[in-house]
């Protein structure tokens, strides 16, 4: 998202890979929903926690949802958005969801101790 002017925005636009959208009045934006998802490692897991941030913009006549890898502080982002957009009456909501990564299940069909060589008939 890009805002203009910077301190007290009157306009906003979404910036995409294909280029920016048209400028819209900031009143078009009703709500910003941030969903911070953290997947913690199970006990003994060597992989670090994974964190993503889903950003949902509730516009007057549409919704935009973007999910991004995220390593920052979601509360700080939410506070900055509240400070920027609060005077325009835009609601900013932050929700954090935590879960634990599933432990991989052993392959029950795997057996060990036999020979896998073709043509080994013994004897």
Protein backbone atom coordinates (compact mmCIF):
# COMPACT_ATOMS: atom_id res chain seq x y z
CA UNK A 1 0.00 0.00 0.00
CA UNK A 2 1.12 3.50 -0.71
CA UNK A 3 -0.34 6.57 0.97
CA UNK A 4 -0.33 10.24 -0.01
CA UNK A 5 0.48 12.54 1.64
CA UNK A 6 2.60 10.55 4.07
CA UNK A 7 1.68 11.94 7.51
CA UNK A 8 -2.10 12.32 7.13
CA UNK A 9 -3.11 10.35 4.05
CA UNK A 10 -6.02 11.45 1.92
CA UNK A 11 -5.37 8.85 -0.80
CA UNK A 12 -4.11 5.29 -1.07
CA UNK A 13 -3.32 2.81 -3.77
CA UNK A 14 -2.28 -0.80 -3.92
CA UNK A 15 1.11 -1.47 -5.45
CA UNK A 16 1.35 -4.78 -7.28
CA UNK A 17 4.02 -6.55 -9.30
CA UNK A 18 2.31 -5.38 -12.50
CA UNK A 19 2.36 -1.79 -11.24
CA UNK A 20 0.33 0.44 -8.93
CA UNK A 21 -3.46 0.71 -8.98
CA UNK A 22 -5.24 4.03 -9.30
CA UNK A 23 -5.34 6.41 -6.32
CA UNK A 24 -8.45 6.02 -4.15
CA UNK A 25 -9.77 8.26 -1.37
CA UNK A 26 -8.62 6.90 2.00
CA UNK A 27 -12.31 6.75 3.03
CA UNK A 28 -12.63 3.83 0.59
CA UNK A 29 -10.65 1.73 3.08
CA UNK A 30 -12.94 0.49 5.86
CA UNK A 31 -10.70 -1.92 7.75
CA UNK A 32 -7.22 -3.46 7.76
CA UNK A 33 -7.03 -6.99 9.18
CA UNK A 34 -3.62 -8.42 10.01
CA UNK A 35 -3.43 -12.13 10.78
CA UNK A 36 -0.03 -13.20 12.08
CA UNK A 37 0.39 -16.98 11.90
CA UNK A 38 3.26 -18.62 13.77
CA UNK A 39 4.01 -22.33 13.36
CA UNK A 40 6.31 -23.41 16.20
CA UNK A 41 8.60 -26.45 15.98
CA UNK A 42 7.61 -29.61 17.85
CA UNK A 43 9.89 -30.75 20.67
CA UNK A 44 13.12 -31.98 19.11
CA UNK A 45 12.47 -30.33 15.73
CA UNK A 46 15.56 -28.63 14.30
CA UNK A 47 13.66 -26.31 11.95
CA UNK A 48 12.92 -22.80 13.25
CA UNK A 49 9.43 -21.39 13.69
CA UNK A 50 7.73 -20.11 10.53
CA UNK A 51 5.90 -16.82 10.49
CA UNK A 52 3.51 -15.41 7.88
CA UNK A 53 1.39 -12.31 7.82
CA UNK A 54 -1.91 -12.14 5.99
CA UNK A 55 -3.04 -8.62 5.18
CA UNK A 56 -6.70 -8.17 4.35
CA UNK A 57 -7.97 -4.81 3.19
CA UNK A 58 -11.70 -4.28 3.45
CA UNK A 59 -12.59 -1.65 0.87
CA UNK A 60 -15.98 -0.09 0.28
CA UNK A 61 -16.80 -2.48 -2.57
CA UNK A 62 -14.09 -5.16 -2.48
CA UNK A 63 -11.63 -7.11 -0.37
CA UNK A 64 -7.96 -7.66 -1.06
CA UNK A 65 -5.98 -10.39 0.71
CA UNK A 66 -2.22 -10.83 0.59
CA UNK A 67 -0.16 -13.43 2.49
CA UNK A 68 3.54 -12.76 2.92
CA UNK A 69 6.48 -14.32 4.76
CA UNK A 70 7.07 -12.07 7.75
CA UNK A 71 9.98 -11.66 10.16
CA UNK A 72 9.14 -8.29 11.70
CA UNK A 73 7.06 -7.22 14.67
CA UNK A 74 3.35 -7.43 13.76
CA UNK A 75 2.30 -5.34 16.76
CA UNK A 76 4.60 -2.53 15.66
CA UNK A 77 3.13 -2.68 12.14
CA UNK A 78 -0.43 -2.64 13.53
CA UNK A 79 0.38 0.33 15.79
CA UNK A 80 1.91 2.25 12.87
CA UNK A 81 -1.14 1.58 10.70
CA UNK A 82 -3.47 2.64 13.54
CA UNK A 83 -1.57 5.89 13.98
CA UNK A 84 -1.61 6.56 10.24
CA UNK A 85 -5.16 5.47 9.41
CA UNK A 86 -7.01 5.98 12.71
CA UNK A 87 -7.72 9.69 12.08
CA UNK A 88 -9.49 8.67 8.84
CA UNK A 89 -11.71 6.24 10.79
CA UNK A 90 -10.05 3.08 9.44
CA UNK A 91 -10.14 0.17 11.89
CA UNK A 92 -6.92 -1.84 12.22
CA UNK A 93 -7.16 -5.30 13.80
CA UNK A 94 -4.26 -7.64 14.64
CA UNK A 95 -4.85 -11.32 15.38
CA UNK A 96 -2.08 -13.81 16.18
CA UNK A 97 -2.58 -17.54 15.64
CA UNK A 98 -0.03 -20.00 17.03
CA UNK A 99 0.23 -23.69 16.28
CA UNK A 100 2.84 -26.42 16.52
CA UNK A 101 4.23 -28.10 13.43
CA UNK A 102 3.06 -31.70 13.05
CA UNK A 103 5.64 -34.34 13.87
CA UNK A 104 6.33 -36.46 10.76
CA UNK A 105 4.84 -39.94 10.98
CA UNK A 106 7.16 -42.86 10.34
CA UNK A 107 6.44 -44.72 7.12
CA UNK A 108 4.73 -47.89 8.34
CA UNK A 109 5.42 -49.74 5.07
CA UNK A 110 9.19 -49.38 5.34
CA UNK A 111 11.00 -52.49 6.54
CA UNK A 112 14.70 -52.98 7.01
CA UNK A 113 17.03 -55.91 7.08
CA UNK A 114 16.27 -57.51 3.71
CA UNK A 115 18.15 -57.42 0.46
CA UNK A 116 16.79 -55.28 -2.33
CA UNK A 117 19.05 -56.71 -5.03
CA UNK A 118 17.36 -58.00 -8.16
CA UNK A 119 18.00 -61.68 -8.85
CA UNK A 120 19.27 -62.53 -5.39
CA UNK A 121 17.68 -65.91 -4.90
CA UNK A 122 20.17 -67.13 -2.35
CA UNK A 123 21.56 -70.54 -2.47
